[in-house]
C-alpha atoms as a PDB file:
ATOM      1  CA  MET A   1      42.081   7.596  27.971  1.00  0.00           C
ATOM      2  CA  ALA A   2      44.814   5.477  26.939  1.00  0.00           C
ATOM      3  CA  GLY A   3      47.973   5.534  29.034  1.00  0.00           C
ATOM      4  CA  CYS A   4      45.304   6.003  32.143  1.00  0.00           C
ATOM      5  CA  GLY A   5      44.179   2.745  32.831  1.00  0.00           C
ATOM      6  CA  ASP A   6      41.082   0.866  32.139  1.00  0.00           C
ATOM      7  CA  LYS A   7      39.117   1.204  35.433  1.00  0.00           C
ATOM      8  CA  PHE A   8      36.478   3.801  35.901  1.00  0.00           C
ATOM      9  CA  GLU A   9      38.129   4.868  39.326  1.00  0.00           C
ATOM     10  CA  ASP A  10      41.117   5.866  37.114  1.00  0.00           C
ATOM     11  CA  TRP A  11      39.017   8.339  35.029  1.00  0.00           C
ATOM     12  CA  ARG A  12      37.839   9.711  38.289  1.00  0.00           C
ATOM     13  CA  LEU A  13      41.080  10.411  39.817  1.00  0.00           C
ATOM     14  CA  ARG A  14      42.268  12.282  36.586  1.00  0.00           C
ATOM     15  CA  GLY A  15      39.360  14.542  36.993  1.00  0.00           C
ATOM     16  CA  TRP A  16      36.751  12.986  34.684  1.00  0.00           C
ATOM     17  CA  GLU A  17      33.780  12.785  36.996  1.00  0.00           C
ATOM     18  CA  ARG A  18      30.784  13.138  34.432  1.00  0.00           C
ATOM     19  CA  CYS A  19      32.534  10.868  32.103  1.00  0.00           C
ATOM     20  CA  ASN A  20      30.034   8.700  30.548  1.00  0.00           C
ATOM     21  CA  HIS A  21      32.113   5.124  30.833  1.00  0.00           C
ATOM     22  CA  GLU A  22      29.330   3.272  28.721  1.00  0.00           C
ATOM     23  CA  THR A  23      29.991   4.989  25.487  1.00  0.00           C
ATOM     24  CA  LEU A  24      33.800   5.509  25.795  1.00  0.00           C
ATOM     25  CA  TYR A  25      35.857   4.123  23.061  1.00  0.00           C
ATOM     26  CA  PRO A  26      38.065   1.454  23.763  1.00  0.00           C
ATOM     27  CA  THR A  27      41.760   1.172  22.112  1.00  0.00           C
ATOM     28  CA  ASN A  28      43.432  -2.078  20.448  1.00  0.00           C
ATOM     29  CA  ASP A  29      45.411  -2.162  23.575  1.00  0.00           C
ATOM     30  CA  GLU A  30      41.898  -2.648  25.945  1.00  0.00           C
ATOM     31  CA  LYS A  31      42.512   1.073  27.484  1.00  0.00           C
ATOM     32  CA  PHE A  32      40.183   3.806  26.934  1.00  0.00           C
ATOM     33  CA  TRP A  33      40.673   7.352  26.544  1.00  0.00           C
ATOM     34  CA  GLY A  34      38.136  10.370  26.271  1.00  0.00           C
ATOM     35  CA  ALA A  35      36.210   9.628  23.189  1.00  0.00           C
ATOM     36  CA  ASN A  36      32.596   9.190  23.409  1.00  0.00           C
ATOM     37  CA  PHE A  37      30.326   7.865  20.597  1.00  0.00           C
ATOM     38  CA  PHE A  38      26.891   8.841  20.312  1.00  0.00           C
ATOM     39  CA  LYS A  39      24.063  10.227  18.374  1.00  0.00           C
ATOM     40  CA  PHE A  40      21.046  12.884  19.487  1.00  0.00           C
ATOM     41  CA  GLU A  41      18.435  10.413  19.273  1.00  0.00           C
ATOM     42  CA  GLY A  42      14.782  10.342  19.715  1.00  0.00           C
ATOM     43  CA  ASN A  43      14.323  14.206  17.797  1.00  0.00           C
ATOM     44  CA  ASN A  44      12.052  14.627  15.105  1.00  0.00           C
ATOM     45  CA  TYR A  45      14.228  16.835  12.584  1.00  0.00           C
ATOM     46  CA  GLN A  46      16.030  15.990   9.716  1.00  0.00           C
ATOM     47  CA  GLY A  47      19.710  14.781  10.269  1.00  0.00           C
ATOM     48  CA  SER A  48      19.019  14.296  14.178  1.00  0.00           C
ATOM     49  CA  ASP A  49      20.450  10.588  13.900  1.00  0.00           C
ATOM     50  CA  GLN A  50      24.056  11.572  12.726  1.00  0.00           C
ATOM     51  CA  PRO A  51      26.791   9.929  14.245  1.00  0.00           C
ATOM     52  CA  TYR A  52      29.196  12.027  16.342  1.00  0.00           C
ATOM     53  CA  ILE A  53      32.379  11.504  18.551  1.00  0.00           C
ATOM     54  CA  VAL A  54      33.407  13.910  20.695  1.00  0.00           C
ATOM     55  CA  TYR A  55      37.139  13.202  22.075  1.00  0.00           C
ATOM     56  CA  GLU A  56      40.034  14.706  23.836  1.00  0.00           C
ATOM     57  CA  SER A  57      43.224  14.769  21.786  1.00  0.00           C
ATOM     58  CA  PRO A  58      44.739  11.089  21.762  1.00  0.00           C
ATOM     59  CA  TYR A  59      47.510   9.799  23.324  1.00  0.00           C
ATOM     60  CA  LYS A  60      48.549   7.675  20.266  1.00  0.00           C
ATOM     61  CA  THR A  61      48.017   8.632  16.708  1.00  0.00           C
ATOM     62  CA  GLU A  62      47.092   5.055  15.613  1.00  0.00           C
ATOM     63  CA  HIS A  63      44.331   5.165  18.366  1.00  0.00           C
ATOM     64  CA  PHE A  64      42.811   7.810  16.648  1.00  0.00           C
ATOM     65  CA  TYR A  65      42.959   6.917  13.021  1.00  0.00           C
ATOM     66  CA  ASN A  66      42.011   3.315  13.779  1.00  0.00           C
ATOM     67  CA  MET A  67      38.602   5.136  15.874  1.00  0.00           C
ATOM     68  CA  ILE A  68      37.899   7.091  12.883  1.00  0.00           C
ATOM     69  CA  VAL A  69      37.781   4.166  10.252  1.00  0.00           C
ATOM     70  CA  LYS A  70      36.214   1.954  12.231  1.00  0.00           C
ATOM     71  CA  THR A  71      33.470   4.439  13.109  1.00  0.00           C
ATOM     72  CA  ASN A  72      33.143   5.800   9.762  1.00  0.00           C
ATOM     73  CA  MET A  73      33.882   9.390  10.772  1.00  0.00           C
ATOM     74  CA  ARG A  74      33.850  11.551   7.471  1.00  0.00           C
ATOM     75  CA  VAL A  75      34.803  15.240   9.030  1.00  0.00           C
ATOM     76  CA  LEU A  76      36.928  15.980  11.521  1.00  0.00           C
ATOM     77  CA  VAL A  77      37.021  19.088  13.343  1.00  0.00           C
ATOM     78  CA  ASN A  78      39.998  20.562  15.967  1.00  0.00           C
ATOM     79  CA  VAL A  79      39.155  23.339  18.228  1.00  0.00           C
ATOM     80  CA  SER A  80      42.107  23.132  20.570  1.00  0.00           C
ATOM     81  CA  THR A  81      44.679  25.843  20.448  1.00  0.00           C
ATOM     82  CA  LYS A  82      48.630  26.427  20.355  1.00  0.00           C
ATOM     83  CA  ASN A  83      48.106  28.390  24.034  1.00  0.00           C
ATOM     84  CA  ASP A  84      46.024  25.408  25.750  1.00  0.00           C
ATOM     85  CA  ASN A  85      47.491  24.063  28.936  1.00  0.00           C
ATOM     86  CA  ILE A  86      48.588  20.745  28.506  1.00  0.00           C
ATOM     87  CA  ALA A  87      50.605  20.007  31.616  1.00  0.00           C
ATOM     88  CA  TYR A  88      48.378  16.905  32.477  1.00  0.00           C
ATOM     89  CA  ARG A  89      49.396  15.401  29.358  1.00  0.00           C
ATOM     90  CA  LYS A  90      53.134  15.312  29.985  1.00  0.00           C
ATOM     91  CA  ASP A  91      54.671  13.643  26.976  1.00  0.00           C
ATOM     92  CA  TYR A  92      51.527  13.813  24.860  1.00  0.00           C
ATOM     93  CA  PRO A  93      50.851  16.938  22.671  1.00  0.00           C
ATOM     94  CA  LEU A  94      47.750  17.616  21.307  1.00  0.00           C
ATOM     95  CA  ASN A  95      48.568  17.681  17.788  1.00  0.00           C
ATOM     96  CA  LEU A  96      49.093  13.836  18.022  1.00  0.00           C
ATOM     97  CA  HIS A  97      46.574  13.405  15.484  1.00  0.00           C
ATOM     98  CA  PHE A  98      47.796  15.927  12.702  1.00  0.00           C
ATOM     99  CA  LEU A  99      49.339  13.786   9.732  1.00  0.00           C
ATOM    100  CA  ASN A 100      52.031  16.221   7.752  1.00  0.00           C
ATOM    101  CA  LEU A 101      51.346  16.706   3.798  1.00  0.00           C
ATOM    102  CA  ASN A 102      51.920  13.422   1.778  1.00  0.00           C
ATOM    103  CA  GLN A 103      52.587  11.560   5.248  1.00  0.00           C
ATOM    104  CA  THR A 104      51.041   8.124   5.270  1.00  0.00           C
ATOM    105  CA  LEU A 105      50.384   6.157   8.354  1.00  0.00           C
ATOM    106  CA  ASN A 106      49.650   2.281   8.248  1.00  0.00           C
ATOM    107  CA  LEU A 107      47.186   0.662  10.530  1.00  0.00           C
ATOM    108  CA  GLU A 108      45.953  -2.592  11.382  1.00  0.00           C
ATOM    109  CA  GLN A 109      44.160  -4.919   8.937  1.00  0.00           C
ATOM    110  CA  ASN A 110      45.984  -3.581   5.679  1.00  0.00           C
ATOM    111  CA  VAL A 111      44.309   0.062   6.183  1.00  0.00           C
ATOM    112  CA  SER A 112      46.044   3.324   5.623  1.00  0.00           C
ATOM    113  CA  VAL A 113      45.758   7.044   6.023  1.00  0.00           C
ATOM    114  CA  THR A 114      47.514   9.463   3.940  1.00  0.00           C
ATOM    115  CA  CYS A 115      47.074  13.553   3.666  1.00  0.00           C
ATOM    116  CA  PHE A 116      47.279  14.351   0.116  1.00  0.00           C
ATOM    117  CA  LYS A 117      46.397  17.966   0.316  1.00  0.00           C
ATOM    118  CA  GLU A 118      46.591  21.220   2.438  1.00  0.00           C
ATOM    119  CA  GLU A 119      44.509  24.392   2.040  1.00  0.00           C
ATOM    120  CA  ASN A 120      44.032  27.440   4.473  1.00  0.00           C
ATOM    121  CA  HIS A 121      40.433  28.815   4.228  1.00  0.00           C
ATOM    122  CA  ASN A 122      40.334  32.491   5.266  1.00  0.00           C
ATOM    123  CA  LEU A 123      37.524  33.548   7.856  1.00  0.00           C
ATOM    124  CA  LYS A 124      36.332  37.418   8.032  1.00  0.00           C
ATOM    125  CA  ASN A 125      38.042  38.000  11.493  1.00  0.00           C
ATOM    126  CA  ASP A 126      41.700  37.550   9.713  1.00  0.00           C
ATOM    127  CA  GLU A 127      41.679  33.788  11.310  1.00  0.00           C
ATOM    128  CA  LYS A 128      42.277  30.693   9.335  1.00  0.00           C
ATOM    129  CA  VAL A 129      40.975  27.065   9.343  1.00  0.00           C
ATOM    130  CA  LEU A 130      43.655  24.458   8.210  1.00  0.00           C
ATOM    131  CA  ILE A 131      41.676  21.759   6.037  1.00  0.00           C
ATOM    132  CA  LYS A 132      43.821  18.647   5.440  1.00  0.00           C
ATOM    133  CA  TYR A 133      42.733  16.257   2.903  1.00  0.00           C
ATOM    134  CA  LEU A 134      42.835  12.478   4.037  1.00  0.00           C
ATOM    135  CA  ARG A 135      42.834   9.436   1.449  1.00  0.00           C
ATOM    136  CA  ILE A 136      41.624   6.209   3.485  1.00  0.00           C
ATOM    137  CA  ASN A 137      42.479   3.108   1.436  1.00  0.00           C
ATOM    138  CA  ASN A 138      41.714  -0.523   2.792  1.00  0.00           C
ATOM    139  CA  GLU A 139      41.545  -3.883   1.008  1.00  0.00           C
ATOM    140  CA  THR A 140      37.868  -3.073  -1.044  1.00  0.00           C
ATOM    141  CA  GLN A 141      37.754   0.947  -1.096  1.00  0.00           C
ATOM    142  CA  SER A 142      39.135   4.150  -0.959  1.00  0.00           C
ATOM    143  CA  TYR A 143      37.467   7.040   0.104  1.00  0.00           C
ATOM    144  CA  GLU A 144      38.131  10.713   1.611  1.00  0.00           C
ATOM    145  CA  CYS A 145      37.913  12.456   4.693  1.00  0.00           C
ATOM    146  CA  ARG A 146      38.378  15.900   5.784  1.00  0.00           C
ATOM    147  CA  GLN A 147      40.121  17.511   9.072  1.00  0.00           C
ATOM    148  CA  LEU A 148      39.301  21.244   9.915  1.00  0.00           C
ATOM    149  CA  ILE A 149      41.690  22.607  12.233  1.00  0.00           C
ATOM    150  CA  TYR A 150      40.294  25.935  14.024  1.00  0.00           C
ATOM    151  CA  GLN A 151      42.740  27.089  16.919  1.00  0.00           C
ATOM    152  CA  HIS A 152      41.514  30.492  17.943  1.00  0.00           C
ATOM    153  CA  TRP A 153      38.941  29.495  20.441  1.00  0.00           C
ATOM    154  CA  GLU A 154      40.476  29.785  23.816  1.00  0.00           C
ATOM    155  CA  ASP A 155      39.844  27.437  26.667  1.00  0.00           C
ATOM    156  CA  GLY A 156      37.785  28.966  29.513  1.00  0.00           C
ATOM    157  CA  GLU A 157      40.415  28.321  32.259  1.00  0.00           C
ATOM    158  CA  LYS A 158      42.493  31.074  30.688  1.00  0.00           C
ATOM    159  CA  TYR A 159      40.176  33.896  32.169  1.00  0.00           C
ATOM    160  CA  LYS A 160      39.616  34.471  35.882  1.00  0.00           C
ATOM    161  CA  THR A 161      35.957  35.424  35.459  1.00  0.00           C
ATOM    162  CA  LEU A 162      32.969  34.815  33.263  1.00  0.00           C
ATOM    163  CA  GLU A 163      32.924  38.742  32.254  1.00  0.00           C
ATOM    164  CA  ASP A 164      36.652  38.421  30.880  1.00  0.00           C
ATOM    165  CA  ARG A 165      35.726  35.172  29.195  1.00  0.00           C
ATOM    166  CA  PHE A 166      33.098  36.676  27.136  1.00  0.00           C
ATOM    167  CA  LYS A 167      34.772  39.991  26.837  1.00  0.00           C
ATOM    168  CA  VAL A 168      37.228  37.895  24.513  1.00  0.00           C
ATOM    169  CA  ASN A 169      35.160  35.207  22.615  1.00  0.00           C
ATOM    170  CA  GLN A 170      32.326  37.212  21.814  1.00  0.00           C
ATOM    171  CA  ASN A 171      34.448  38.552  19.162  1.00  0.00           C
ATOM    172  CA  THR A 172      34.727  34.949  18.096  1.00  0.00           C
ATOM    173  CA  ILE A 173      31.206  34.016  17.925  1.00  0.00           C
ATOM    174  CA  GLU A 174      31.166  35.017  14.392  1.00  0.00           C
ATOM    175  CA  SER A 175      34.252  32.636  13.538  1.00  0.00           C
ATOM    176  CA  LEU A 176      32.440  29.541  15.007  1.00  0.00           C
ATOM    177  CA  LEU A 177      29.261  30.319  12.640  1.00  0.00           C
ATOM    178  CA  GLU A 178      31.540  30.209   9.896  1.00  0.00           C
ATOM    179  CA  LEU A 179      33.254  27.199  10.991  1.00  0.00           C
ATOM    180  CA  VAL A 180      29.860  25.589  11.595  1.00  0.00           C
ATOM    181  CA  GLU A 181      29.220  26.382   7.772  1.00  0.00           C
ATOM    182  CA  LEU A 182      32.404  25.249   6.774  1.00  0.00           C
ATOM    183  CA  THR A 183      31.704  21.800   8.305  1.00  0.00           C
ATOM    184  CA  ASP A 184      28.478  21.602   6.842  1.00  0.00           C
ATOM    185  CA  ASN A 185      29.804  22.539   3.516  1.00  0.00           C
ATOM    186  CA  ASN A 186      32.322  19.795   3.755  1.00  0.00           C
ATOM    187  CA  LEU A 187      29.948  17.203   4.717  1.00  0.00           C
ATOM    188  CA  LYS A 188      27.859  17.831   1.816  1.00  0.00           C
ATOM    189  CA  GLU A 189      30.963  18.242  -0.531  1.00  0.00           C
ATOM    190  CA  LEU A 190      32.188  14.411   0.554  1.00  0.00           C
ATOM    191  CA  SER A 191      28.277  12.825   0.484  1.00  0.00           C
ATOM    192  CA  PRO A 192      25.941  15.444  -1.300  1.00  0.00           C
ATOM    193  CA  ASN A 193      22.892  13.109  -1.461  1.00  0.00           C
ATOM    194  CA  SER A 194      22.956  12.224   2.156  1.00  0.00           C
ATOM    195  CA  SER A 195      25.804  14.424   4.067  1.00  0.00           C
ATOM    196  CA  TYR A 196      23.930  13.886   7.644  1.00  0.00           C
ATOM    197  CA  SER A 197      24.545   9.935   7.468  1.00  0.00           C
ATOM    198  CA  GLN A 198      28.192  10.886   7.563  1.00  0.00           C
ATOM    199  CA  GLY A 199      29.874  11.057  10.997  1.00  0.00           C
ATOM    200  CA  LEU A 200      31.502  13.911  12.496  1.00  0.00           C
ATOM    201  CA  ALA A 201      34.226  13.905  15.127  1.00  0.00           C
ATOM    202  CA  VAL A 202      35.102  17.047  17.375  1.00  0.00           C
ATOM    203  CA  THR A 203      37.845  17.315  19.564  1.00  0.00           C
ATOM    204  CA  GLY A 204      39.445  19.999  21.736  1.00  0.00           C
ATOM    205  CA  LYS A 205      41.855  19.546  24.720  1.00  0.00           C
ATOM    206  CA  TYR A 206      39.689  17.670  27.720  1.00  0.00           C
ATOM    207  CA  GLY A 207      36.865  16.849  24.876  1.00  0.00           C
ATOM    208  CA  PHE A 208      34.323  18.150  27.592  1.00  0.00           C
ATOM    209  CA  GLY A 209      34.189  21.839  27.084  1.00  0.00           C
ATOM    210  CA  ARG A 210      34.610  23.610  23.738  1.00  0.00           C
ATOM    211  CA  SER A 211      34.200  19.994  21.567  1.00  0.00           C
ATOM    212  CA  PRO A 212      30.730  19.366  22.787  1.00  0.00           C
ATOM    213  CA  ALA A 213      29.805  22.878  22.826  1.00  0.00           C
ATOM    214  CA  PHE A 214      30.657  22.818  19.092  1.00  0.00           C
ATOM    215  CA  ILE A 215      28.574  20.074  18.206  1.00  0.00           C
ATOM    216  CA  VAL A 216      25.466  21.465  20.276  1.00  0.00           C
ATOM    217  CA  MET A 217      25.851  24.355  17.702  1.00  0.00           C
ATOM    218  CA  PHE A 218      26.462  22.330  14.631  1.00  0.00           C
ATOM    219  CA  GLU A 219      23.056  20.423  15.686  1.00  0.00           C
ATOM    220  CA  ILE A 220      21.038  23.404  16.135  1.00  0.00           C
ATOM    221  CA  TYR A 221      22.291  25.146  12.654  1.00  0.00           C
ATOM    222  CA  LYS A 222      20.726  21.570  11.428  1.00  0.00           C
ATOM    223  CA  GLN A 223      17.389  21.969  13.205  1.00  0.00           C
ATOM    224  CA  ILE A 224      17.411  25.529  11.710  1.00  0.00           C
ATOM    225  CA  LYS A 225      18.135  24.008   8.610  1.00  0.00           C
ATOM    226  CA  SER A 226      15.654  21.072   8.450  1.00  0.00           C
ATOM    227  CA  GLU A 227      12.970  23.715   9.837  1.00  0.00           C
ATOM    228  CA  ILE A 228      13.625  25.731   6.769  1.00  0.00           C
ATOM    229  CA  SER A 229      13.123  22.540   4.515  1.00  0.00           C
ATOM    230  CA  LYS A 230      10.000  21.795   6.072  1.00  0.00           C
ATOM    231  CA  GLN A 231       8.395  25.241   5.601  1.00  0.00           C
ATOM    232  CA  LYS A 232       9.866  25.922   2.072  1.00  0.00           C
ATOM    233  CA  ASN A 233       9.200  22.854   0.869  1.00  0.00           C
ATOM    234  CA  ILE A 234      12.795  22.155  -0.236  1.00  0.00           C
ATOM    235  CA  PRO A 235      15.446  19.316   0.084  1.00  0.00           C
ATOM    236  CA  ILE A 236      17.524  20.071   2.878  1.00  0.00           C
ATOM    237  CA  ASN A 237      20.656  19.519   0.806  1.00  0.00           C
ATOM    238  CA  ASP A 238      19.814  22.265  -1.571  1.00  0.00           C
ATOM    239  CA  ILE A 239      19.751  24.769   0.899  1.00  0.00           C
ATOM    240  CA  LYS A 240      23.126  26.714   0.230  1.00  0.00           C
ATOM    241  CA  SER A 241      22.856  29.163   2.906  1.00  0.00           C
ATOM    242  CA  ILE A 242      20.377  29.415   5.788  1.00  0.00           C
ATOM    243  CA  PHE A 243      20.728  33.222   5.526  1.00  0.00           C
ATOM    244  CA  ASP A 244      18.821  32.602   1.952  1.00  0.00           C
ATOM    245  CA  TYR A 245      15.796  32.298   3.991  1.00  0.00           C
ATOM    246  CA  SER A 246      15.900  34.868   6.699  1.00  0.00           C
ATOM    247  CA  ASP A 247      12.208  35.183   7.584  1.00  0.00           C
ATOM    248  CA  VAL A 248      11.860  31.715   8.854  1.00  0.00           C
ATOM    249  CA  ILE A 249      14.918  32.386  11.019  1.00  0.00           C
ATOM    250  CA  THR A 250      13.743  35.459  12.877  1.00  0.00           C
ATOM    251  CA  ILE A 251      10.575  33.411  13.982  1.00  0.00           C
ATOM    252  CA  LEU A 252      12.453  30.382  15.305  1.00  0.00           C
ATOM    253  CA  ASP A 253      12.736  29.709  18.974  1.00  0.00           C
ATOM    254  CA  LEU A 254      15.010  26.906  20.058  1.00  0.00           C
ATOM    255  CA  ASP A 255      16.018  25.551  23.335  1.00  0.00           C
ATOM    256  CA  ALA A 256      19.923  25.264  23.707  1.00  0.00           C
ATOM    257  CA  ASN A 257      19.486  23.934  27.286  1.00  0.00           C
ATOM    258  CA  SER A 258      17.816  20.648  25.780  1.00  0.00           C
ATOM    259  CA  PHE A 259      20.630  20.058  23.661  1.00  0.00           C
ATOM    260  CA  LEU A 260      22.974  20.509  26.508  1.00  0.00           C
ATOM    261  CA  ALA A 261      21.132  18.289  28.773  1.00  0.00           C
ATOM    262  CA  ALA A 262      21.401  15.639  25.785  1.00  0.00           C
ATOM    263  CA  MET A 263      24.948  15.873  25.590  1.00  0.00           C
ATOM    264  CA  SER A 264      25.677  16.012  29.374  1.00  0.00           C
ATOM    265  CA  GLU A 265      23.998  12.487  29.542  1.00  0.00           C
ATOM    266  CA  LYS A 266      25.927  11.044  26.624  1.00  0.00           C
ATOM    267  CA  VAL A 267      29.327  12.416  27.175  1.00  0.00           C
ATOM    268  CA  MET A 268      31.800  13.774  29.637  1.00  0.00           C
ATOM    269  CA  THR A 269      31.203  17.835  30.257  1.00  0.00           C
ATOM    270  CA  GLY A 270      32.389  20.356  31.995  1.00  0.00           C
ATOM    271  CA  ALA A 271      31.916  24.301  32.399  1.00  0.00           C
ATOM    272  CA  GLY A 272      28.570  24.199  31.591  1.00  0.00           C
ATOM    273  CA  GLU A 273      27.596  27.600  32.031  1.00  0.00           C
ATOM    274  CA  ILE A 274      30.046  29.148  30.162  1.00  0.00           C
ATOM    275  CA  HIS A 275      29.370  26.835  26.968  1.00  0.00           C
ATOM    276  CA  LEU A 276      25.811  27.323  27.340  1.00  0.00           C
ATOM    277  CA  GLN A 277      26.134  31.025  27.118  1.00  0.00           C
ATOM    278  CA  GLU A 278      28.752  30.578  23.946  1.00  0.00           C
ATOM    279  CA  VAL A 279      25.562  28.157  22.227  1.00  0.00           C
ATOM    280  CA  ILE A 280      23.390  31.171  23.433  1.00  0.00           C
ATOM    281  CA  GLY A 281      25.561  33.578  21.750  1.00  0.00           C
ATOM    282  CA  LEU A 282      25.828  31.629  18.628  1.00  0.00           C
ATOM    283  CA  PHE A 283      21.914  31.224  18.012  1.00  0.00           C
ATOM    284  CA  ASN A 284      21.503  34.776  18.899  1.00  0.00           C
ATOM    285  CA  ALA A 285      24.165  35.673  16.347  1.00  0.00           C
ATOM    286  CA  ILE A 286      22.343  33.438  13.775  1.00  0.00           C
ATOM    287  CA  LYS A 287      19.150  35.620  14.163  1.00  0.00           C
ATOM    288  CA  GLN A 288      20.528  38.977  14.418  1.00  0.00           C
ATOM    289  CA  LYS A 289      22.303  38.362  10.975  1.00  0.00           C
ATOM    290  CA  ALA A 290      18.728  37.106   9.834  1.00  0.00           C
ATOM    291  CA  LYS A 291      17.191  40.158  10.795  1.00  0.00           C
ATOM    292  CA  ASN A 292      19.913  42.424   9.140  1.00  0.00           C
ATOM    293  CA  ILE A 293      19.297  40.986   5.653  1.00  0.00           C
ATOM    294  CA  THR A 294      17.044  42.670   3.700  1.00  0.00           C
ATOM    295  CA  LYS A 295      16.149  40.423   0.702  1.00  0.00           C
ATOM    296  CA  PRO A 296      16.009  41.732  -2.378  1.00  0.00           C
ATOM    297  CA  HIS A 297      13.533  39.907  -4.112  1.00  0.00           C
ATOM    298  CA  ASP A 298      11.222  40.335  -1.146  1.00  0.00           C
ATOM    299  CA  PRO A 299       8.440  42.361  -2.728  1.00  0.00           C
ATOM    300  CA  ASP A 300       7.224  43.895   0.695  1.00  0.00           C
ATOM    301  CA  SER A 301      10.719  45.113   1.287  1.00  0.00           C
ATOM    302  CA  LEU A 302      11.029  46.813  -2.184  1.00  0.00           C
ATOM    303  CA  ARG A 303       7.550  48.102  -2.172  1.00  0.00           C
ATOM    304  CA  ASN A 304       8.812  49.626   1.009  1.00  0.00           C
ATOM    305  CA  LYS A 305      11.874  51.001  -0.180  1.00  0.00           C
ATOM    306  CA  PHE A 306       9.989  52.460  -3.083  1.00  0.00           C
ATOM    307  CA  GLU A 307       7.579  54.234  -1.002  1.00  0.00           C
ATOM    308  CA  GLU A 308      10.331  55.759   1.269  1.00  0.00           C
ATOM    309  CA  SER A 309      12.029  57.108  -1.795  1.00  0.00           C
ATOM    310  CA  GLU A 310       8.963  58.667  -3.175  1.00  0.00           C
ATOM    311  CA  LYS A 311       8.044  60.537   0.279  1.00  0.00           C
ATOM    312  CA  SER A 312      11.986  61.516   0.543  1.00  0.00           C
ATOM    313  CA  PHE A 313      11.560  62.947  -3.273  1.00  0.00           C
ATOM    314  CA  ALA A 314       8.555  64.739  -2.189  1.00  0.00           C
ATOM    315  CA  ILE A 315      10.021  66.210   0.844  1.00  0.00           C
ATOM    316  CA  HIS A 316      12.834  67.593  -1.294  1.00  0.00           C
ATOM    317  CA  LYS A 317      10.856  68.657  -4.310  1.00  0.00           C
END
């Protein structure tokens, strides 16, 4: 963490007891901030080697964008909120890595970042995701990144009990699923033929709760798409919506614990039980939504409806 020294003992004093110092990203002033670069390696589904960064909100704007450029992150997701307690950050607000519309930031080695467009994406729960379109320019190329800012996922410390936490956030699970889908769509738009070769960076306040939980949610979503691709024999990038293949989803049984265990080994993590329940809640929401879908082109479904209509007609005849 920039500003907190470069010794592991300093991190422990700041509360990062489970920080993996081997994967922390160093800044250009030889200090560290809570930003871990990793992959879910060793899995046999498509996209499991996608590079991730999970990070706390940066202490200097240039640290953040230098990291994004050097690690080739293409979609950036923010899940911190305006209500987050930031007392420990003193003079470092959570929005240090946001560029305003038409703002340009000049970095080292003749690299610049410009926010050239903004738009609001509406979610079903009357919530919005602000999307910032970023242009990265250097001496040899120019390419685009996207930053998705979702500010409706409250931090767990706001609630005194686990029951209170989920009484509020269970209503947000559907929005988190939409955010996962939106993230996936933006990766696909930036790289239609190889979306999961592109890096995904996710931040919360501390970088060890909501942000790694969201990455686990996204990884589970990718595994579902991979299973659909395998069973239906279609390219994974041709899947427009996983819910077009509800028959595959309803029989899937994934182990969220294995993803969270891998995350804990690779990055700092906290409040594990709370975020495990959120991950399980999202997977259950996906399966329930799939069960509720009646596919109009399903011959058995149409036949059952026809038979039920005939019975109803015979009763009223």
